[in-house]
Amino acid sequence: MKRARVLIVDDSATMRGLIRVVLSQDPEIEVVGEAGDAMQARAAIKQLNPDVVTLDIEMPNMNGLEFLEKIMTLRPMPVIMVSTLTHHGAEATIAALEIGAFDCVGKPTPGDVEPFAGLTETVKAASRSRRHEGGVPSVAPSSEQPRELLGYIPSRKIIAIGASTGGVEALISVLAKFPANCPPTVITQHMPAAFTASFAQRLNRLCKPQVKEAEDGDRLLIGRVYLAPGGKSHLEVANPTAPACRLISTDAVNGHRPSVDVLFNSVAELAGKRSVGVILTGMGQDGANGLLRMRQAGADTIGQNEKTCVVYGMPRVAFEKGAVAVQLPLNLIGDGILRSTTLRKDRVA
């Protein structure tokens, strides 16, 4: 098997060394070079032609976001952002993922037992991704109201969406289609704990519905979107008479907390055919079994197609299990959801 060739870019020699040690433990990864700033990184990319770059957000001369934009414009390739777990770091990371970074990892904090856990798998997935093939362009939300929304009246359905790697761009694309009176929508996106609040705020600025990080007991209301808090607990929906968010601090499922399966299973049980399940780009298989339960309970189910996924992992497993009723390209998923949730089908193309 061809090894993933990685360039490490960070202004801290200590951090570069730590990343190198972690990555070098995997025989399927080769660290081909290091750089301390954007100028060194640009020369190293030309000389070494790496498969993947790990990139620090905060660097001298040119920060990581500016350099990432140049990479995505001039030489698109998989870039994994390395960020501090602070509010400023989270804001910058969300911006990086929107620009087109493959994924993000948090810098270790004092007391971390396993620094950069999962980085090796992320690097290997990045080297195999469509981003590495030059596919999956960055997505920008449209400011225009889609023609399909004329006369939209929401049904009593609940929308549940699961995503992982590539999910920031994908969710922005999907939610940009939603009107201000969309059905209540619950989302689990695999993301470090420090980043989900900033992501919810970003979505709230970009989209017509109100978007917030879910809190225990939040009532599911028309025109509201609820994002599971990263790393802290699982998001479920509960209470059939007055549906609401429920956060539970149980063990990780499929290696994730929050888990898409946990969310989908709860929606299948609570809402059944009065729901729509959507699985977007991501590594692994989280969400496949839960989406299958939703479909068996009578829900409409949608999976992102392979061509538009950054990583066709979660949607592929769900499709192979028979959980996906229809596969759609990313740019049509928002419209597909609205068609499944409107009471005015004669007014929706």
Protein backbone atom coordinates (compact mmCIF):
# COMPACT_ATOMS: atom_id res chain seq x y z
CA MET A 1 0.00 0.00 0.00
CA LYS A 2 1.25 3.48 -0.93
CA ARG A 3 2.16 5.45 2.17
CA ALA A 4 0.56 8.85 2.80
CA ARG A 5 3.26 11.51 2.41
CA VAL A 6 2.80 14.34 4.91
CA LEU A 7 4.26 17.84 5.27
CA ILE A 8 4.03 19.32 8.79
CA VAL A 9 3.68 23.12 8.96
CA ASP A 10 3.91 24.79 12.38
CA ASP A 11 5.99 27.63 13.77
CA SER A 12 6.70 25.64 16.94
CA ALA A 13 9.53 23.13 16.63
CA THR A 14 8.13 21.33 19.68
CA MET A 15 4.71 20.94 18.08
CA ARG A 16 6.22 19.81 14.78
CA GLY A 17 8.21 17.21 16.69
CA LEU A 18 5.15 15.93 18.53
CA ILE A 19 3.13 15.62 15.33
CA ARG A 20 6.05 13.87 13.63
CA VAL A 21 6.33 11.34 16.48
CA VAL A 22 2.61 10.58 16.38
CA LEU A 23 2.48 10.17 12.60
CA SER A 24 5.73 8.19 12.35
CA GLN A 25 4.26 5.46 14.53
CA ASP A 26 1.99 4.43 11.66
CA PRO A 27 3.76 2.44 8.91
CA GLU A 28 1.24 3.72 6.34
CA ILE A 29 2.39 7.33 6.85
CA GLU A 30 5.66 8.99 5.83
CA VAL A 31 6.58 12.46 7.12
CA VAL A 32 8.42 13.91 4.13
CA GLY A 33 9.18 17.36 5.52
CA GLU A 34 8.54 20.17 7.98
CA ALA A 35 8.15 23.93 7.66
CA GLY A 36 8.05 26.74 10.21
CA ASP A 37 6.11 29.33 8.21
CA ALA A 38 4.15 29.82 4.99
CA MET A 39 7.20 30.75 2.87
CA GLN A 40 9.03 27.57 3.87
CA ALA A 41 5.82 25.57 3.39
CA ARG A 42 5.27 26.91 -0.13
CA ALA A 43 8.78 25.89 -1.15
CA ALA A 44 8.39 22.48 0.52
CA ILE A 45 5.09 21.79 -1.27
CA LYS A 46 6.71 22.54 -4.63
CA GLN A 47 9.75 20.40 -3.86
CA LEU A 48 8.17 17.46 -2.01
CA ASN A 49 4.66 17.25 -3.53
CA PRO A 50 3.08 15.85 -0.32
CA ASP A 51 -0.26 14.05 -0.27
CA VAL A 52 -1.39 15.84 2.91
CA VAL A 53 -0.41 18.99 4.80
CA THR A 54 -0.97 19.60 8.51
CA LEU A 55 -1.21 23.36 8.99
CA ASP A 56 -1.06 25.51 12.11
CA ILE A 57 -3.61 28.32 12.07
CA GLU A 58 -1.48 30.86 13.95
CA MET A 59 1.88 31.47 12.23
CA PRO A 60 4.16 34.46 11.62
CA ASN A 61 4.27 36.45 8.35
CA MET A 62 1.19 34.78 6.82
CA ASN A 63 -1.39 33.07 9.04
CA GLY A 64 -2.74 29.64 8.30
CA LEU A 65 -6.05 30.89 6.91
CA GLU A 66 -4.38 33.12 4.34
CA PHE A 67 -2.04 30.32 3.33
CA LEU A 68 -4.91 27.82 3.14
CA GLU A 69 -6.77 30.11 0.74
CA LYS A 70 -3.71 30.24 -1.51
CA ILE A 71 -3.38 26.45 -1.41
CA MET A 72 -7.05 25.93 -2.30
CA THR A 73 -6.81 28.46 -5.12
CA LEU A 74 -3.47 27.50 -6.64
CA ARG A 75 -2.94 23.85 -5.69
CA PRO A 76 -5.96 22.23 -4.03
CA MET A 77 -4.95 19.37 -1.72
CA PRO A 78 -6.00 17.88 1.63
CA VAL A 79 -5.07 20.17 4.51
CA ILE A 80 -5.64 19.26 8.17
CA MET A 81 -5.80 22.32 10.40
CA VAL A 82 -4.12 22.22 13.82
CA SER A 83 -5.77 24.68 16.19
CA THR A 84 -5.73 25.78 19.80
CA LEU A 85 -8.89 24.83 21.72
CA THR A 86 -9.85 28.45 22.37
CA HIS A 87 -12.72 30.61 21.14
CA HIS A 88 -10.41 32.41 18.71
CA GLY A 89 -8.96 29.10 17.55
CA ALA A 90 -12.44 27.69 17.06
CA GLU A 91 -13.60 30.66 14.96
CA ALA A 92 -10.52 30.37 12.77
CA THR A 93 -10.95 26.61 12.40
CA ILE A 94 -14.56 26.93 11.27
CA ALA A 95 -13.44 29.49 8.70
CA ALA A 96 -10.71 27.09 7.53
CA LEU A 97 -13.17 24.22 7.13
CA GLU A 98 -15.44 26.50 5.16
CA ILE A 99 -12.55 27.48 2.89
CA GLY A 100 -11.92 23.81 2.19
CA ALA A 101 -9.68 22.28 4.87
CA PHE A 102 -10.18 18.52 5.07
CA ASP A 103 -10.57 18.37 8.85
CA CYS A 104 -9.38 19.94 12.08
CA VAL A 105 -7.55 18.66 15.16
CA GLY A 106 -7.02 20.41 18.46
CA LYS A 107 -3.57 21.07 19.89
CA PRO A 108 -2.90 19.09 23.07
CA THR A 109 -3.64 20.66 26.41
CA PRO A 110 -1.91 19.90 29.74
CA GLY A 111 -2.93 16.49 31.02
CA ASP A 112 -3.82 14.98 27.64
CA VAL A 113 -3.23 11.25 27.92
CA GLU A 114 -3.17 10.70 24.16
CA PRO A 115 -2.24 13.88 22.25
CA PHE A 116 -3.45 14.03 18.65
CA ALA A 117 -5.57 10.90 19.07
CA GLY A 118 -7.10 10.01 15.71
CA LEU A 119 -4.68 12.13 13.70
CA THR A 120 -3.14 9.16 11.89
CA GLU A 121 -6.54 7.91 10.68
CA THR A 122 -7.48 11.43 9.59
CA VAL A 123 -4.24 11.76 7.60
CA LYS A 124 -4.80 8.43 5.86
CA ALA A 125 -8.40 9.30 5.03
CA ALA A 126 -7.25 12.67 3.70
CA SER A 127 -4.72 11.02 1.40
CA ARG A 128 -7.50 8.86 -0.08
CA SER A 129 -10.14 11.60 -0.25
CA ARG A 130 -11.67 13.31 -3.23
CA ARG A 131 -9.97 16.49 -2.04
CA HIS A 132 -6.71 14.69 -2.85
CA GLU A 133 -8.04 13.94 -6.33
CA GLY A 134 -8.82 17.61 -6.88
CA GLY A 135 -12.57 17.07 -6.52
CA VAL A 136 -15.24 18.51 -4.23
CA PRO A 137 -14.97 22.28 -4.68
CA SER A 138 -15.60 24.58 -1.74
CA VAL A 139 -19.23 25.48 -1.16
CA ALA A 140 -20.47 29.02 -0.64
CA PRO A 141 -24.01 29.66 0.61
CA SER A 142 -26.32 31.44 -1.79
CA SER A 143 -27.98 34.68 -0.74
CA GLU A 144 -30.82 34.11 -3.20
CA GLN A 145 -34.10 32.53 -2.07
CA PRO A 146 -34.42 29.30 -4.11
CA ARG A 147 -37.41 29.31 -6.44
CA GLU A 148 -38.52 25.96 -4.99
CA LEU A 149 -39.42 27.62 -1.65
CA LEU A 150 -42.34 29.64 -2.99
CA GLY A 151 -45.40 28.79 -0.92
CA TYR A 152 -43.46 26.48 1.41
CA ILE A 153 -45.50 25.40 4.44
CA PRO A 154 -43.70 23.05 6.85
CA SER A 155 -45.24 19.74 7.79
CA ARG A 156 -45.03 18.32 11.31
CA LYS A 157 -41.93 16.29 10.47
CA ILE A 158 -38.58 16.42 12.29
CA ILE A 159 -35.38 16.61 10.24
CA ALA A 160 -32.31 14.75 11.55
CA ILE A 161 -28.91 15.19 9.90
CA GLY A 162 -25.59 13.44 10.58
CA ALA A 163 -22.17 14.45 9.23
CA SER A 164 -18.46 14.15 9.92
CA THR A 165 -15.40 14.96 7.78
CA GLY A 166 -16.38 17.56 5.20
CA GLY A 167 -19.56 18.29 7.12
CA VAL A 168 -18.96 22.00 7.64
CA GLU A 169 -19.16 22.76 3.93
CA ALA A 170 -21.94 20.21 3.44
CA LEU A 171 -24.13 21.57 6.23
CA ILE A 172 -23.69 25.14 5.03
CA SER A 173 -24.80 24.03 1.56
CA VAL A 174 -27.86 22.17 2.87
CA LEU A 175 -29.03 24.72 5.43
CA ALA A 176 -28.57 27.60 2.99
CA LYS A 177 -31.62 26.19 1.16
CA PHE A 178 -33.81 26.18 4.28
CA PRO A 179 -36.46 28.90 4.70
CA ALA A 180 -36.96 30.72 7.99
CA ASN A 181 -39.94 28.46 8.72
CA CYS A 182 -38.16 25.13 8.21
CA PRO A 183 -39.25 22.12 10.29
CA PRO A 184 -37.36 21.58 13.56
CA THR A 185 -33.93 20.22 12.63
CA VAL A 186 -31.45 18.34 14.81
CA ILE A 187 -27.85 17.80 13.73
CA THR A 188 -24.94 15.72 14.95
CA GLN A 189 -21.64 16.79 13.41
CA HIS A 190 -18.45 15.11 14.62
CA MET A 191 -16.36 18.01 15.91
CA PRO A 192 -14.17 18.81 18.93
CA ALA A 193 -16.02 20.20 21.93
CA ALA A 194 -14.49 23.67 21.64
CA PHE A 195 -15.68 24.15 18.07
CA THR A 196 -19.43 23.42 17.95
CA ALA A 197 -20.58 26.64 19.63
CA SER A 198 -18.63 28.69 17.07
CA PHE A 199 -19.98 26.54 14.24
CA ALA A 200 -23.56 27.03 15.43
CA GLN A 201 -22.99 30.80 15.57
CA ARG A 202 -21.53 30.73 12.06
CA LEU A 203 -24.52 28.77 10.71
CA ASN A 204 -26.89 31.17 12.45
CA ARG A 205 -25.27 34.11 10.64
CA LEU A 206 -25.39 32.37 7.26
CA CYS A 207 -28.81 30.74 7.31
CA LYS A 208 -32.41 31.96 7.53
CA PRO A 209 -33.54 29.66 10.38
CA GLN A 210 -32.24 30.24 13.92
CA VAL A 211 -29.32 27.91 14.67
CA LYS A 212 -27.99 27.19 18.16
CA GLU A 213 -25.92 24.66 20.04
CA ALA A 214 -28.47 22.29 21.59
CA GLU A 215 -29.19 22.48 25.29
CA ASP A 216 -30.97 19.88 27.36
CA GLY A 217 -34.70 20.56 27.28
CA ASP A 218 -34.73 22.82 24.19
CA ARG A 219 -38.21 22.52 22.62
CA LEU A 220 -38.16 21.52 18.94
CA LEU A 221 -39.77 24.49 17.21
CA ILE A 222 -40.49 25.52 13.63
CA GLY A 223 -37.64 27.60 12.21
CA ARG A 224 -35.04 26.28 14.66
CA VAL A 225 -31.92 24.17 14.07
CA TYR A 226 -30.15 22.46 16.98
CA LEU A 227 -26.49 21.36 16.76
CA ALA A 228 -25.22 18.67 19.15
CA PRO A 229 -22.47 19.95 21.50
CA GLY A 230 -19.15 18.41 20.49
CA GLY A 231 -17.44 15.88 22.73
CA LYS A 232 -19.64 16.36 25.78
CA SER A 233 -22.78 14.28 25.33
CA HIS A 234 -25.08 12.61 22.84
CA LEU A 235 -28.05 14.48 21.40
CA GLU A 236 -31.42 12.73 21.38
CA VAL A 237 -34.99 13.87 20.83
CA ALA A 238 -37.50 12.99 23.52
CA ASN A 239 -41.06 13.61 24.80
CA PRO A 240 -43.65 12.72 22.10
CA THR A 241 -46.23 15.24 23.38
CA ALA A 242 -43.76 18.17 23.26
CA PRO A 243 -40.61 17.05 21.38
CA ALA A 244 -37.41 18.44 22.86
CA CYS A 245 -33.64 17.97 22.83
CA ARG A 246 -32.16 15.65 25.42
CA LEU A 247 -28.42 15.50 26.16
CA ILE A 248 -27.10 12.27 27.67
CA SER A 249 -23.54 11.77 28.94
CA THR A 250 -23.16 8.08 28.17
CA ASP A 251 -20.16 6.33 26.60
CA ALA A 252 -19.02 7.02 23.05
CA VAL A 253 -20.82 5.09 20.30
CA ASN A 254 -18.86 4.06 17.20
CA GLY A 255 -15.99 5.98 18.75
CA HIS A 256 -17.97 9.23 18.81
CA ARG A 257 -19.71 11.43 21.33
CA PRO A 258 -22.00 12.81 20.08
CA SER A 259 -22.97 9.91 17.83
CA VAL A 260 -25.17 10.14 14.76
CA ASP A 261 -26.57 6.67 15.52
CA VAL A 262 -27.79 7.82 18.92
CA LEU A 263 -29.60 10.78 17.36
CA PHE A 264 -31.13 8.78 14.51
CA ASN A 265 -32.27 5.97 16.83
CA SER A 266 -34.08 8.44 19.06
CA VAL A 267 -35.77 10.12 16.08
CA ALA A 268 -36.87 6.73 14.71
CA GLU A 269 -38.46 5.89 18.05
CA LEU A 270 -40.05 9.28 18.69
CA ALA A 271 -41.18 10.39 15.23
CA GLY A 272 -41.02 7.41 12.86
CA LYS A 273 -42.67 8.33 9.57
CA ARG A 274 -42.95 11.94 10.74
CA SER A 275 -39.24 12.46 10.16
CA VAL A 276 -36.57 12.82 7.50
CA GLY A 277 -33.08 11.37 8.00
CA VAL A 278 -30.05 12.68 6.12
CA ILE A 279 -26.50 11.31 6.19
CA LEU A 280 -23.70 13.43 4.78
CA THR A 281 -19.99 13.10 4.10
CA GLY A 282 -17.81 11.49 6.77
CA MET A 283 -15.38 8.76 7.76
CA GLY A 284 -16.51 5.48 9.30
CA GLN A 285 -20.00 4.08 9.73
CA ASP A 286 -21.64 6.16 12.44
CA GLY A 287 -25.28 6.81 11.57
CA ALA A 288 -25.79 3.89 9.17
CA ASN A 289 -27.67 1.66 11.63
CA GLY A 290 -29.68 4.55 13.02
CA LEU A 291 -30.69 5.69 9.55
CA LEU A 292 -31.78 2.14 8.77
CA ARG A 293 -34.00 2.21 11.86
CA MET A 294 -35.47 5.49 10.68
CA ARG A 295 -36.26 4.06 7.25
CA GLN A 296 -37.78 0.93 8.78
CA ALA A 297 -39.93 3.20 10.94
CA GLY A 298 -41.28 4.92 7.83
CA ALA A 299 -39.02 7.99 7.61
CA ASP A 300 -37.81 9.43 4.33
CA THR A 301 -34.03 8.94 4.14
CA ILE A 302 -31.43 10.71 2.00
CA GLY A 303 -27.72 10.01 1.54
CA GLN A 304 -25.09 12.22 -0.05
CA ASN A 305 -23.75 10.65 -3.22
CA GLU A 306 -20.15 9.56 -3.66
CA LYS A 307 -19.18 12.20 -6.22
CA THR A 308 -19.88 15.14 -3.90
CA CYS A 309 -18.58 13.64 -0.63
CA VAL A 310 -15.21 14.67 0.72
CA VAL A 311 -15.16 11.18 2.28
CA TYR A 312 -17.72 8.63 1.06
CA GLY A 313 -17.67 6.59 4.27
CA MET A 314 -20.77 7.07 6.40
CA PRO A 315 -23.10 7.53 3.38
CA ARG A 316 -21.61 4.47 1.67
CA VAL A 317 -22.16 2.17 4.64
CA ALA A 318 -25.69 3.49 5.10
CA PHE A 319 -26.45 2.92 1.41
CA GLU A 320 -25.04 -0.61 1.47
CA LYS A 321 -27.17 -1.45 4.53
CA GLY A 322 -30.32 -0.33 2.70
CA ALA A 323 -30.80 2.69 4.97
CA VAL A 324 -30.78 5.26 2.14
CA ALA A 325 -33.96 5.59 0.10
CA VAL A 326 -32.40 8.08 -2.32
CA GLN A 327 -28.87 9.32 -2.97
CA LEU A 328 -28.48 12.93 -4.05
CA PRO A 329 -25.60 15.27 -4.91
CA LEU A 330 -24.94 17.82 -2.21
CA ASN A 331 -26.48 20.74 -4.11
CA LEU A 332 -29.85 18.92 -4.31
CA ILE A 333 -30.10 17.61 -0.75
CA GLY A 334 -31.62 20.78 0.71
CA ASP A 335 -34.29 20.77 -1.99
CA GLY A 336 -34.93 17.06 -1.40
CA ILE A 337 -35.49 17.65 2.31
CA LEU A 338 -37.93 20.48 1.61
CA ARG A 339 -39.91 18.38 -0.83
CA SER A 340 -40.29 15.76 1.89
CA THR A 341 -41.46 18.26 4.49
CA THR A 342 -43.79 20.68 2.70
CA LEU A 343 -47.58 20.70 2.83
CA ARG A 344 -47.73 22.57 -0.50
CA LYS A 345 -46.31 20.02 -2.93
CA ASP A 346 -48.05 21.79 -5.78
CA ARG A 347 -45.88 24.85 -5.13
CA VAL A 348 -42.55 23.05 -4.76
CA ALA A 349 -40.72 22.05 -7.97
